[in-house]
Amino acid sequence: MLDLPGQGATALSGASQVKSATPTGPKITHTPLSQFAYPNQPLKLQATIPTPPGETLTTLRVFWKPKGSPSFNDSVSTKTKSGNSYTFEIASSNVNVPGIDYYIDARSDSGISLLPSGAPNTYFTIEVLESVTQTAQVTRDTTITLPSDQTSGAAATSLLVPAFSIPTPTPILIQTKTSA
């Protein structure tokens, strides 16, 4: 367990661009999740860490903590490798509201790399939501699509609302809630 001081930490919410460390050690490339996660679903994180010829990746860890907690830990339930790509899985029992903070630590013969740079005082944050709400104004046949769950790979959900089924124009609210 790594304890952090309560001050000076910076959370980086998921962004659509690829984040890359500028290390003395191995180069880490990782795209933070840009959406949200559901509680009690495993959280999958992917990173690419190529090692130059003759260099060895000696340690690779994801440090994570419940959002707002002062302490990181590095217990991920799964780490798989395919070429230079690694997938880490934070166990479903650890994925709870309000979210997960994390950073990646890679060490090689040439040095140490942390992503995001400045870790552990800077880290990525994934919001964990109990429910997702989508609002639409129905004036004709309307398809409403709720976003996919990036963490579990569940596909987006679509719902067709025929205009004749409700008076038009009528605002409607669709809410999904996960079951624990």
Protein backbone atom coordinates (compact mmCIF):
# COMPACT_ATOMS: atom_id res chain seq x y z
CA MET A 1 0.00 0.00 0.00
CA LEU A 2 1.31 3.47 -0.88
CA ASP A 3 0.06 6.34 1.28
CA LEU A 4 -0.24 9.78 -0.24
CA PRO A 5 -0.38 13.12 1.48
CA GLY A 6 -3.87 14.61 1.32
CA GLN A 7 -2.74 17.73 -0.52
CA GLY A 8 -1.54 18.40 -4.02
CA ALA A 9 -3.17 15.45 -5.77
CA THR A 10 -4.67 16.11 -9.19
CA ALA A 11 -7.34 13.93 -10.74
CA LEU A 12 -7.48 13.66 -14.51
CA SER A 13 -10.85 12.52 -15.80
CA GLY A 14 -10.94 10.25 -18.80
CA ALA A 15 -9.98 12.04 -21.98
CA SER A 16 -10.37 11.08 -25.61
CA GLN A 17 -6.70 11.53 -26.44
CA VAL A 18 -3.92 9.05 -25.87
CA LYS A 19 -1.70 9.83 -22.90
CA SER A 20 1.97 8.96 -23.19
CA ALA A 21 4.69 9.16 -20.55
CA THR A 22 7.95 10.93 -21.32
CA PRO A 23 10.08 8.71 -19.15
CA THR A 24 13.64 7.76 -18.55
CA GLY A 25 12.26 4.22 -18.57
CA PRO A 26 9.85 2.45 -20.93
CA LYS A 27 7.32 4.46 -22.91
CA ILE A 28 3.73 3.96 -21.69
CA THR A 29 0.84 4.69 -24.04
CA HIS A 30 -2.65 4.54 -22.55
CA THR A 31 -6.04 5.94 -23.52
CA PRO A 32 -8.00 6.74 -20.35
CA LEU A 33 -11.61 5.60 -20.42
CA SER A 34 -13.67 8.57 -21.57
CA GLN A 35 -17.01 7.44 -20.24
CA PHE A 36 -18.08 5.84 -17.01
CA ALA A 37 -18.17 2.46 -15.35
CA TYR A 38 -20.97 0.63 -13.59
CA PRO A 39 -20.55 -0.61 -10.02
CA ASN A 40 -19.71 -4.26 -9.41
CA GLN A 41 -18.41 -4.73 -12.97
CA PRO A 42 -14.73 -5.48 -13.65
CA LEU A 43 -12.77 -2.47 -14.86
CA LYS A 44 -10.43 -3.17 -17.79
CA LEU A 45 -7.53 -0.83 -18.51
CA GLN A 46 -5.18 -1.20 -21.47
CA ALA A 47 -1.67 0.11 -22.04
CA THR A 48 1.01 -0.38 -24.67
CA ILE A 49 4.59 -0.56 -23.42
CA PRO A 50 7.15 -1.44 -26.07
CA THR A 51 10.63 -2.30 -24.90
CA PRO A 52 13.62 -1.55 -27.13
CA PRO A 53 15.85 -4.46 -28.15
CA GLY A 54 18.07 -5.54 -25.27
CA GLU A 55 15.89 -3.85 -22.65
CA THR A 56 13.76 -5.78 -20.17
CA LEU A 57 10.49 -4.64 -18.61
CA THR A 58 11.14 -5.58 -14.99
CA THR A 59 7.94 -4.34 -13.30
CA LEU A 60 4.53 -3.25 -14.55
CA ARG A 61 1.78 -2.27 -12.13
CA VAL A 62 -1.44 -0.31 -12.00
CA PHE A 63 -1.91 1.49 -8.71
CA TRP A 64 -5.56 2.24 -7.95
CA LYS A 65 -7.75 3.44 -5.11
CA PRO A 66 -11.38 4.28 -4.49
CA LYS A 67 -11.98 7.86 -5.62
CA GLY A 68 -11.10 10.24 -2.80
CA SER A 69 -9.20 7.67 -0.74
CA PRO A 70 -5.71 8.70 0.44
CA SER A 71 -4.10 5.29 -0.26
CA PHE A 72 -3.27 3.51 -3.52
CA ASN A 73 -2.80 -0.25 -3.83
CA ASP A 74 -1.56 -2.35 -6.72
CA SER A 75 -3.71 -5.44 -6.49
CA VAL A 76 -5.23 -6.00 -9.92
CA SER A 77 -7.02 -9.26 -10.45
CA THR A 78 -5.78 -9.84 -14.00
CA LYS A 79 -2.83 -8.73 -16.08
CA THR A 80 -2.64 -10.19 -19.58
CA LYS A 81 -0.09 -9.55 -22.29
CA SER A 82 -0.35 -9.69 -26.06
CA GLY A 83 2.83 -8.45 -27.72
CA ASN A 84 3.47 -4.98 -26.25
CA SER A 85 -0.16 -4.57 -25.12
CA TYR A 86 -1.21 -5.19 -21.55
CA THR A 87 -4.69 -5.42 -20.07
CA PHE A 88 -5.27 -4.90 -16.38
CA GLU A 89 -8.50 -5.78 -14.64
CA ILE A 90 -9.61 -4.28 -11.36
CA ALA A 91 -11.93 -6.79 -9.70
CA SER A 92 -15.65 -6.03 -9.81
CA SER A 93 -15.83 -6.01 -6.00
CA ASN A 94 -13.56 -2.94 -6.02
CA VAL A 95 -15.52 -0.93 -8.59
CA ASN A 96 -17.94 1.21 -6.60
CA VAL A 97 -19.52 4.67 -6.61
CA PRO A 98 -18.13 7.35 -6.85
CA GLY A 99 -15.19 5.99 -8.87
CA ILE A 100 -11.64 4.72 -9.21
CA ASP A 101 -8.40 6.74 -9.31
CA TYR A 102 -5.38 5.05 -10.93
CA TYR A 103 -1.95 5.44 -12.48
CA ILE A 104 0.47 3.14 -14.31
CA ASP A 105 4.01 2.35 -13.13
CA ALA A 106 6.45 0.68 -15.58
CA ARG A 107 10.08 -0.09 -14.77
CA SER A 108 12.83 -1.37 -17.02
CA ASP A 109 16.61 -1.61 -17.14
CA SER A 110 16.71 2.04 -18.27
CA GLY A 111 14.51 3.58 -15.58
CA ILE A 112 11.03 4.24 -14.21
CA SER A 113 7.99 5.63 -16.04
CA LEU A 114 4.77 6.83 -14.45
CA LEU A 115 1.59 7.71 -16.32
CA PRO A 116 0.26 10.28 -15.94
CA SER A 117 3.52 12.09 -15.30
CA GLY A 118 3.54 13.42 -11.78
CA ALA A 119 1.97 10.24 -10.40
CA PRO A 120 1.10 9.43 -7.68
CA ASN A 121 0.13 13.06 -7.05
CA THR A 122 -1.56 13.14 -10.46
CA TYR A 123 -3.81 10.28 -11.58
CA PHE A 124 -6.64 9.28 -13.89
CA THR A 125 -10.21 9.06 -12.58
CA ILE A 126 -13.02 6.87 -13.84
CA GLU A 127 -16.47 7.82 -12.62
CA VAL A 128 -18.63 4.94 -11.41
CA LEU A 129 -22.37 5.60 -11.75
CA GLU A 130 -25.38 3.82 -10.30
CA SER A 131 -27.49 4.83 -13.27
CA VAL A 132 -27.37 6.57 -16.63
CA THR A 133 -30.03 9.00 -17.74
CA GLN A 134 -30.84 10.04 -21.30
CA THR A 135 -33.44 12.66 -22.16
CA ALA A 136 -35.02 13.06 -25.59
CA GLN A 137 -37.72 15.17 -27.19
CA VAL A 138 -39.98 12.88 -29.21
CA THR A 139 -41.63 14.57 -32.21
CA ARG A 140 -41.52 11.59 -34.60
CA ASP A 141 -40.24 8.03 -34.40
CA THR A 142 -37.13 8.45 -32.28
CA THR A 143 -34.31 6.07 -31.43
CA ILE A 144 -32.64 6.79 -28.13
CA THR A 145 -29.24 5.25 -27.55
CA LEU A 146 -27.76 4.89 -24.10
CA PRO A 147 -23.95 4.75 -24.12
CA SER A 148 -22.02 1.52 -24.00
CA ASP A 149 -20.27 0.43 -20.84
CA GLN A 150 -16.58 0.76 -21.77
CA THR A 151 -15.39 -1.22 -18.80
CA SER A 152 -17.28 -4.45 -19.41
CA GLY A 153 -17.59 -4.11 -23.17
CA ALA A 154 -21.41 -4.15 -23.04
CA ALA A 155 -22.88 -2.71 -26.23
CA ALA A 156 -24.90 0.47 -26.36
CA THR A 157 -28.61 0.03 -25.75
CA SER A 158 -31.11 1.48 -28.22
CA LEU A 159 -34.80 2.04 -27.71
CA LEU A 160 -37.23 2.95 -30.50
CA VAL A 161 -40.02 5.25 -29.32
CA PRO A 162 -42.77 5.40 -31.97
CA ALA A 163 -44.29 8.87 -32.20
CA PHE A 164 -47.84 7.51 -32.09
CA SER A 165 -47.23 5.88 -28.67
CA ILE A 166 -47.18 9.18 -26.80
CA PRO A 167 -48.54 12.67 -27.44
CA THR A 168 -46.07 14.74 -29.45
CA PRO A 169 -43.94 16.64 -28.77
CA THR A 170 -43.33 15.05 -25.38
CA PRO A 171 -40.13 15.00 -23.42
CA ILE A 172 -39.31 11.54 -22.12
CA LEU A 173 -36.73 10.32 -19.65
CA ILE A 174 -35.09 6.92 -19.85
CA GLN A 175 -32.98 5.74 -16.98
CA THR A 176 -30.97 2.55 -16.66
CA LYS A 177 -29.86 1.23 -13.33
CA THR A 178 -27.40 -1.52 -12.68
CA SER A 179 -28.31 -4.42 -10.49
CA ALA A 180 -25.78 -5.30 -7.84
